[in-house]
Amino acid sequence: MPCKAATLPALLSALLACAGAAIAQPAAPNVLGAWRFETARYDVDNGGGCQMTGSMTITRGPSANVYACRFIATETCPWGEWSAEQTCVATRTGAKLEIESTIVKLTPATTSYAPDNWSLTIRSSDLMMGELRSADIADVQFRRGPAIIS
């Protein structure tokens, strides 16, 4: 039995579908390196609000999507200021970066400061946006380059 000839539109449609699947996706932005961050104000119901700023360095970790990181966060509130040096592990899934932290040193010392964890979306090679998830929750932006000026 002879093969049935395919129509040109059907062939083109099949070819385009296969070609679309084969086209390489652009490389995901590299998150390695130095970052600066700044949160929106939080805890506004408790005296006017706090804000956190700081810097983080992300380095290669034990596997392709797991990174090591270190950062210093400065939390400024109407009733005081704290500086927290922390280590962290960042886990990447697609454009999401989840960061779990451990406090190394806190100045001044207090028992009421929680590790600063982050849930971020990688927007570009120099911008990540998301949330601080600690004792409080706040929107945050991470940017490469010089300190963020507010």
N, C-alpha and C. Protein backbone atom coordinates (compact mmCIF):
# COMPACT_ATOMS: atom_id res chain seq x y z
N MET A 1 0.86 -1.16 0.00
CA MET A 1 0.00 0.00 0.00
C MET A 1 0.90 1.22 0.00
N PRO A 2 0.67 2.17 -0.89
CA PRO A 2 1.53 3.35 -0.97
C PRO A 2 1.30 4.27 0.23
N CYS A 3 2.35 5.04 0.59
CA CYS A 3 2.25 6.01 1.69
C CYS A 3 1.40 7.18 1.24
N LYS A 4 0.65 7.70 2.17
CA LYS A 4 -0.18 8.86 1.88
C LYS A 4 0.70 10.10 1.93
N ALA A 5 0.67 10.92 0.94
CA ALA A 5 1.49 12.13 0.89
C ALA A 5 0.96 13.14 1.91
N ALA A 6 1.88 13.70 2.68
CA ALA A 6 1.50 14.71 3.67
C ALA A 6 1.35 16.05 2.97
N THR A 7 0.47 16.86 3.49
CA THR A 7 0.28 18.18 2.90
C THR A 7 1.40 19.09 3.37
N LEU A 8 1.71 20.09 2.59
CA LEU A 8 2.77 21.04 2.93
C LEU A 8 2.48 21.76 4.25
N PRO A 9 1.26 22.25 4.50
CA PRO A 9 1.00 22.90 5.80
C PRO A 9 1.22 21.95 6.99
N ALA A 10 0.85 20.68 6.84
CA ALA A 10 1.04 19.72 7.93
C ALA A 10 2.52 19.49 8.18
N LEU A 11 3.31 19.38 7.11
CA LEU A 11 4.75 19.20 7.26
C LEU A 11 5.39 20.40 7.93
N LEU A 12 5.02 21.59 7.50
CA LEU A 12 5.58 22.81 8.09
C LEU A 12 5.22 22.93 9.56
N SER A 13 3.99 22.60 9.89
CA SER A 13 3.55 22.67 11.28
C SER A 13 4.35 21.71 12.15
N ALA A 14 4.54 20.49 11.68
CA ALA A 14 5.31 19.50 12.43
C ALA A 14 6.76 19.93 12.57
N LEU A 15 7.33 20.47 11.51
CA LEU A 15 8.71 20.92 11.52
C LEU A 15 8.91 22.07 12.51
N LEU A 16 8.00 23.03 12.52
CA LEU A 16 8.09 24.15 13.45
C LEU A 16 7.94 23.70 14.89
N ALA A 17 7.07 22.74 15.14
CA ALA A 17 6.89 22.24 16.51
C ALA A 17 8.18 21.57 17.00
N CYS A 18 8.80 20.80 16.16
CA CYS A 18 10.06 20.14 16.55
C CYS A 18 11.18 21.15 16.72
N ALA A 19 11.26 22.11 15.82
CA ALA A 19 12.32 23.12 15.90
C ALA A 19 12.17 23.97 17.15
N GLY A 20 10.93 24.30 17.51
CA GLY A 20 10.70 25.10 18.72
C GLY A 20 11.17 24.39 19.97
N ALA A 21 10.97 23.08 20.03
CA ALA A 21 11.40 22.31 21.19
C ALA A 21 12.91 22.19 21.24
N ALA A 22 13.55 22.23 20.08
CA ALA A 22 15.00 22.03 20.03
C ALA A 22 15.79 23.32 20.25
N ILE A 23 15.14 24.46 20.14
CA ILE A 23 15.85 25.73 20.32
C ILE A 23 16.29 25.84 21.77
N ALA A 24 17.55 26.12 21.96
CA ALA A 24 18.09 26.21 23.32
C ALA A 24 17.52 27.43 24.03
N GLN A 25 17.19 27.22 25.29
CA GLN A 25 16.73 28.33 26.12
C GLN A 25 17.93 29.19 26.47
N PRO A 26 17.73 30.51 26.64
CA PRO A 26 18.86 31.35 27.04
C PRO A 26 19.38 30.91 28.41
N ALA A 27 20.67 31.06 28.59
CA ALA A 27 21.28 30.66 29.86
C ALA A 27 20.65 31.45 31.00
N ALA A 28 20.37 30.75 32.10
CA ALA A 28 19.82 31.41 33.28
C ALA A 28 20.86 32.36 33.84
N PRO A 29 20.45 33.50 34.37
CA PRO A 29 21.42 34.45 34.93
C PRO A 29 22.25 33.81 36.04
N ASN A 30 23.51 34.15 36.05
CA ASN A 30 24.46 33.67 37.05
C ASN A 30 24.24 34.45 38.35
N VAL A 31 24.07 33.75 39.46
CA VAL A 31 23.84 34.43 40.74
C VAL A 31 25.12 34.56 41.57
N LEU A 32 26.21 33.98 41.09
CA LEU A 32 27.47 34.04 41.85
C LEU A 32 27.97 35.47 41.94
N GLY A 33 28.57 35.82 43.08
CA GLY A 33 29.19 37.12 43.22
C GLY A 33 28.60 37.96 44.33
N ALA A 34 28.89 39.26 44.26
CA ALA A 34 28.50 40.21 45.31
C ALA A 34 27.16 40.85 45.00
N TRP A 35 26.34 40.98 46.04
CA TRP A 35 25.02 41.58 45.95
C TRP A 35 24.82 42.54 47.11
N ARG A 36 24.02 43.57 46.91
CA ARG A 36 23.55 44.47 47.96
C ARG A 36 22.04 44.30 48.05
N PHE A 37 21.50 44.43 49.26
CA PHE A 37 20.06 44.28 49.40
C PHE A 37 19.48 45.36 50.30
N GLU A 38 18.18 45.59 50.09
CA GLU A 38 17.43 46.57 50.89
C GLU A 38 15.98 46.12 50.95
N THR A 39 15.42 46.08 52.15
CA THR A 39 14.02 45.71 52.30
C THR A 39 13.14 46.96 52.28
N ALA A 40 11.86 46.72 52.06
CA ALA A 40 10.86 47.75 52.32
C ALA A 40 10.74 47.87 53.84
N ARG A 41 10.10 48.91 54.31
CA ARG A 41 9.90 49.05 55.76
C ARG A 41 8.93 47.97 56.26
N TYR A 42 9.20 47.47 57.44
CA TYR A 42 8.35 46.46 58.05
C TYR A 42 8.20 46.76 59.53
N ASP A 43 7.31 46.05 60.18
CA ASP A 43 6.99 46.26 61.60
C ASP A 43 6.49 47.70 61.83
N VAL A 44 5.73 48.21 60.86
CA VAL A 44 5.27 49.60 60.93
C VAL A 44 4.26 49.82 62.05
N ASP A 45 3.61 48.78 62.52
CA ASP A 45 2.65 48.92 63.62
C ASP A 45 3.34 49.06 64.97
N ASN A 46 4.65 48.92 64.99
CA ASN A 46 5.39 48.90 66.24
C ASN A 46 6.43 50.02 66.27
N GLY A 47 5.98 51.25 66.13
CA GLY A 47 6.89 52.39 66.31
C GLY A 47 7.46 53.00 65.05
N GLY A 48 6.87 52.80 63.91
CA GLY A 48 7.33 53.52 62.74
C GLY A 48 8.05 52.70 61.71
N GLY A 49 8.42 51.50 62.04
CA GLY A 49 8.97 50.63 61.02
C GLY A 49 10.47 50.45 61.06
N CYS A 50 10.87 49.27 60.64
CA CYS A 50 12.27 48.89 60.56
C CYS A 50 12.63 48.71 59.09
N GLN A 51 13.92 48.68 58.82
CA GLN A 51 14.41 48.42 57.48
C GLN A 51 15.73 47.67 57.59
N MET A 52 15.96 46.77 56.65
CA MET A 52 17.21 46.01 56.64
C MET A 52 17.96 46.30 55.35
N THR A 53 19.27 46.50 55.48
CA THR A 53 20.16 46.65 54.33
C THR A 53 21.36 45.76 54.55
N GLY A 54 22.09 45.48 53.50
CA GLY A 54 23.30 44.69 53.69
C GLY A 54 23.93 44.26 52.39
N SER A 55 24.91 43.38 52.53
CA SER A 55 25.62 42.85 51.37
C SER A 55 25.81 41.35 51.54
N MET A 56 25.74 40.64 50.42
CA MET A 56 25.85 39.19 50.41
C MET A 56 26.80 38.77 49.30
N THR A 57 27.58 37.72 49.56
CA THR A 57 28.41 37.10 48.54
C THR A 57 27.96 35.66 48.38
N ILE A 58 27.67 35.29 47.13
CA ILE A 58 27.23 33.93 46.81
C ILE A 58 28.36 33.25 46.05
N THR A 59 28.74 32.05 46.52
CA THR A 59 29.82 31.28 45.90
C THR A 59 29.32 29.89 45.53
N ARG A 60 30.14 29.19 44.76
CA ARG A 60 29.78 27.83 44.35
C ARG A 60 29.58 26.94 45.57
N GLY A 61 28.64 26.04 45.44
CA GLY A 61 28.35 25.12 46.54
C GLY A 61 28.65 23.69 46.13
N PRO A 62 28.05 22.75 46.83
CA PRO A 62 28.36 21.34 46.60
C PRO A 62 27.77 20.76 45.31
N SER A 63 26.80 21.44 44.71
CA SER A 63 26.22 20.94 43.46
C SER A 63 25.79 22.12 42.59
N ALA A 64 25.35 21.82 41.39
CA ALA A 64 25.07 22.86 40.39
C ALA A 64 24.07 23.91 40.86
N ASN A 65 23.06 23.54 41.62
CA ASN A 65 22.01 24.48 42.00
C ASN A 65 21.97 24.76 43.50
N VAL A 66 23.04 24.43 44.19
CA VAL A 66 23.15 24.72 45.62
C VAL A 66 24.42 25.54 45.82
N TYR A 67 24.26 26.69 46.49
CA TYR A 67 25.35 27.64 46.64
C TYR A 67 25.63 27.90 48.13
N ALA A 68 26.84 28.31 48.41
CA ALA A 68 27.20 28.78 49.75
C ALA A 68 27.13 30.30 49.71
N CYS A 69 26.80 30.92 50.84
CA CYS A 69 26.76 32.37 50.87
C CYS A 69 27.07 32.88 52.27
N ARG A 70 27.48 34.14 52.32
CA ARG A 70 27.74 34.86 53.56
C ARG A 70 27.18 36.26 53.38
N PHE A 71 26.67 36.83 54.47
CA PHE A 71 26.20 38.21 54.36
C PHE A 71 26.23 38.90 55.71
N ILE A 72 26.21 40.20 55.61
CA ILE A 72 26.06 41.05 56.79
C ILE A 72 24.80 41.88 56.57
N ALA A 73 23.88 41.78 57.52
CA ALA A 73 22.63 42.53 57.47
C ALA A 73 22.61 43.53 58.61
N THR A 74 22.19 44.74 58.30
CA THR A 74 22.00 45.76 59.33
C THR A 74 20.51 46.08 59.40
N GLU A 75 19.93 45.81 60.57
CA GLU A 75 18.52 46.12 60.80
C GLU A 75 18.44 47.40 61.60
N THR A 76 17.73 48.39 61.05
CA THR A 76 17.58 49.68 61.71
C THR A 76 16.11 49.90 62.03
N CYS A 77 15.83 50.08 63.33
CA CYS A 77 14.47 50.32 63.82
C CYS A 77 14.49 51.59 64.67
N PRO A 78 13.33 52.19 64.92
CA PRO A 78 13.30 53.38 65.78
C PRO A 78 13.87 53.11 67.18
N TRP A 79 13.86 51.87 67.64
CA TRP A 79 14.31 51.56 68.99
C TRP A 79 15.70 50.92 69.05
N GLY A 80 16.38 50.79 67.89
CA GLY A 80 17.73 50.24 67.93
C GLY A 80 18.23 49.78 66.57
N GLU A 81 19.51 49.39 66.55
CA GLU A 81 20.13 48.90 65.32
C GLU A 81 20.97 47.67 65.65
N TRP A 82 20.91 46.66 64.77
CA TRP A 82 21.66 45.42 64.95
C TRP A 82 22.39 45.09 63.66
N SER A 83 23.56 44.52 63.81
CA SER A 83 24.33 44.03 62.67
C SER A 83 24.51 42.53 62.85
N ALA A 84 24.11 41.76 61.85
CA ALA A 84 24.17 40.31 61.94
C ALA A 84 25.03 39.75 60.81
N GLU A 85 26.11 39.08 61.19
CA GLU A 85 26.92 38.34 60.22
C GLU A 85 26.33 36.94 60.15
N GLN A 86 26.05 36.46 58.93
CA GLN A 86 25.37 35.17 58.77
C GLN A 86 25.98 34.37 57.62
N THR A 87 25.93 33.05 57.76
CA THR A 87 26.25 32.16 56.65
C THR A 87 24.94 31.61 56.12
N CYS A 88 24.97 31.11 54.88
CA CYS A 88 23.71 30.62 54.31
C CYS A 88 23.96 29.59 53.22
N VAL A 89 22.89 28.87 52.91
CA VAL A 89 22.84 27.95 51.79
C VAL A 89 21.70 28.42 50.90
N ALA A 90 22.02 28.62 49.62
CA ALA A 90 21.02 29.07 48.65
C ALA A 90 20.73 27.92 47.70
N THR A 91 19.45 27.60 47.53
CA THR A 91 19.03 26.52 46.64
C THR A 91 18.21 27.12 45.51
N ARG A 92 18.65 26.81 44.28
CA ARG A 92 17.99 27.37 43.10
C ARG A 92 17.16 26.32 42.40
N THR A 93 15.91 26.72 42.08
CA THR A 93 15.02 25.92 41.26
C THR A 93 14.48 26.84 40.18
N GLY A 94 15.02 26.72 38.97
CA GLY A 94 14.63 27.62 37.89
C GLY A 94 15.01 29.04 38.24
N ALA A 95 14.02 29.94 38.25
CA ALA A 95 14.27 31.35 38.57
C ALA A 95 14.07 31.65 40.05
N LYS A 96 13.82 30.63 40.87
CA LYS A 96 13.61 30.82 42.31
C LYS A 96 14.90 30.52 43.06
N LEU A 97 15.19 31.34 44.08
CA LEU A 97 16.35 31.13 44.94
C LEU A 97 15.87 31.21 46.39
N GLU A 98 15.98 30.10 47.10
CA GLU A 98 15.60 30.03 48.52
C GLU A 98 16.88 30.03 49.34
N ILE A 99 16.97 30.94 50.31
CA ILE A 99 18.18 31.09 51.12
C ILE A 99 17.85 30.85 52.59
N GLU A 100 18.53 29.87 53.19
CA GLU A 100 18.38 29.54 54.61
C GLU A 100 19.66 29.96 55.32
N SER A 101 19.53 30.72 56.41
CA SER A 101 20.67 31.35 57.06
C SER A 101 20.90 30.88 58.48
N THR A 102 22.13 31.07 58.93
CA THR A 102 22.54 30.78 60.30
C THR A 102 23.33 31.98 60.81
N ILE A 103 22.98 32.48 61.99
CA ILE A 103 23.67 33.63 62.57
C ILE A 103 25.05 33.19 63.07
N VAL A 104 26.08 33.95 62.68
CA VAL A 104 27.45 33.71 63.14
C VAL A 104 27.79 34.67 64.28
N LYS A 105 27.42 35.94 64.09
CA LYS A 105 27.73 36.98 65.08
C LYS A 105 26.66 38.05 65.01
N LEU A 106 26.22 38.52 66.17
CA LEU A 106 25.19 39.56 66.26
C LEU A 106 25.68 40.66 67.19
N THR A 107 25.63 41.89 66.70
CA THR A 107 26.07 43.05 67.48
C THR A 107 24.97 44.11 67.48
N PRO A 108 24.51 44.58 68.64
CA PRO A 108 24.78 44.04 69.97
C PRO A 108 24.07 42.70 70.15
N ALA A 109 24.58 41.91 71.05
CA ALA A 109 24.03 40.58 71.29
C ALA A 109 22.61 40.68 71.83
N THR A 110 21.74 39.81 71.34
CA THR A 110 20.36 39.72 71.81
C THR A 110 19.85 38.32 71.52
N THR A 111 18.89 37.86 72.26
CA THR A 111 18.31 36.54 72.02
C THR A 111 17.06 36.63 71.14
N SER A 112 16.65 37.84 70.79
CA SER A 112 15.39 37.98 70.05
C SER A 112 15.59 38.16 68.54
N TYR A 113 16.80 38.00 68.03
CA TYR A 113 17.06 38.17 66.60
C TYR A 113 17.03 36.80 65.93
N ALA A 114 16.21 36.65 64.90
CA ALA A 114 16.09 35.38 64.18
C ALA A 114 16.95 35.42 62.91
N PRO A 115 17.41 34.26 62.43
CA PRO A 115 18.16 34.24 61.17
C PRO A 115 17.32 34.85 60.05
N ASP A 116 18.00 35.50 59.12
CA ASP A 116 17.33 36.17 58.00
C ASP A 116 17.32 35.23 56.80
N ASN A 117 16.17 34.67 56.50
CA ASN A 117 15.99 33.80 55.35
C ASN A 117 15.34 34.59 54.23
N TRP A 118 15.53 34.13 53.00
CA TRP A 118 15.07 34.89 51.84
C TRP A 118 14.40 33.95 50.83
N SER A 119 13.36 34.44 50.20
CA SER A 119 12.71 33.75 49.09
C SER A 119 12.73 34.72 47.92
N LEU A 120 13.54 34.42 46.90
CA LEU A 120 13.80 35.38 45.83
C LEU A 120 13.44 34.82 44.46
N THR A 121 13.12 35.73 43.55
CA THR A 121 12.96 35.41 42.13
C THR A 121 14.05 36.14 41.38
N ILE A 122 14.80 35.41 40.56
CA ILE A 122 15.89 35.99 39.77
C ILE A 122 15.25 36.68 38.57
N ARG A 123 15.36 37.99 38.52
CA ARG A 123 14.74 38.77 37.43
C ARG A 123 15.71 38.99 36.27
N SER A 124 16.99 39.17 36.58
CA SER A 124 18.02 39.40 35.56
C SER A 124 19.37 39.12 36.20
N SER A 125 20.44 39.34 35.45
CA SER A 125 21.77 39.07 35.99
C SER A 125 22.16 40.04 37.09
N ASP A 126 21.41 41.13 37.26
CA ASP A 126 21.75 42.09 38.32
C ASP A 126 20.57 42.47 39.21
N LEU A 127 19.48 41.68 39.19
CA LEU A 127 18.33 41.99 40.03
C LEU A 127 17.63 40.70 40.49
N MET A 128 17.42 40.60 41.81
CA MET A 128 16.58 39.56 42.39
C MET A 128 15.59 40.26 43.31
N MET A 129 14.34 39.81 43.29
CA MET A 129 13.30 40.40 44.11
C MET A 129 12.57 39.30 44.86
N GLY A 130 12.06 39.64 46.04
CA GLY A 130 11.32 38.65 46.80
C GLY A 130 11.01 39.12 48.20
N GLU A 131 11.18 38.19 49.16
CA GLU A 131 10.81 38.48 50.55
C GLU A 131 11.90 38.08 51.53
N LEU A 132 12.04 38.91 52.55
CA LEU A 132 12.74 38.54 53.77
C LEU A 132 11.75 37.70 54.56
N ARG A 133 12.19 36.54 55.06
CA ARG A 133 11.33 35.68 55.88
C ARG A 133 12.08 35.36 57.16
N SER A 134 11.81 36.17 58.16
CA SER A 134 12.52 36.06 59.43
C SER A 134 11.50 36.26 60.54
N ALA A 135 11.87 37.01 61.58
CA ALA A 135 10.90 37.34 62.62
C ALA A 135 9.78 38.18 62.01
N ASP A 136 10.10 38.90 60.95
CA ASP A 136 9.13 39.68 60.18
C ASP A 136 9.26 39.29 58.72
N ILE A 137 8.28 39.67 57.93
CA ILE A 137 8.30 39.44 56.48
C ILE A 137 8.28 40.80 55.81
N ALA A 138 9.16 40.97 54.80
CA ALA A 138 9.21 42.25 54.08
C ALA A 138 9.66 42.01 52.65
N ASP A 139 9.19 42.85 51.74
CA ASP A 139 9.67 42.82 50.37
C ASP A 139 11.14 43.22 50.36
N VAL A 140 11.90 42.66 49.41
CA VAL A 140 13.33 42.97 49.32
C VAL A 140 13.77 42.99 47.86
N GLN A 141 14.79 43.80 47.59
CA GLN A 141 15.46 43.81 46.30
C GLN A 141 16.94 43.56 46.52
N PHE A 142 17.51 42.65 45.73
CA PHE A 142 18.95 42.40 45.70
C PHE A 142 19.46 42.93 44.37
N ARG A 143 20.51 43.75 44.41
CA ARG A 143 21.11 44.31 43.20
C ARG A 143 22.61 44.15 43.24
N ARG A 144 23.20 43.98 42.07
CA ARG A 144 24.66 43.96 41.97
C ARG A 144 25.16 45.40 41.96
N GLY A 145 26.43 45.56 42.29
CA GLY A 145 27.03 46.87 42.16
C GLY A 145 27.01 47.66 43.44
N PRO A 146 27.06 48.99 43.32
CA PRO A 146 27.16 49.84 44.51
C PRO A 146 25.92 49.74 45.40
N ALA A 147 26.07 50.23 46.60
CA ALA A 147 24.97 50.19 47.58
C ALA A 147 23.73 50.85 47.03
N ILE A 148 22.59 50.32 47.42
CA ILE A 148 21.31 50.91 47.02
C ILE A 148 21.11 52.21 47.79
N ILE A 149 20.73 53.24 47.09
CA ILE A 149 20.50 54.54 47.72
C ILE A 149 19.01 54.77 47.79
N SER A 150 18.49 55.01 48.99
CA SER A 150 17.04 55.22 49.11
C SER A 150 16.72 56.66 49.35
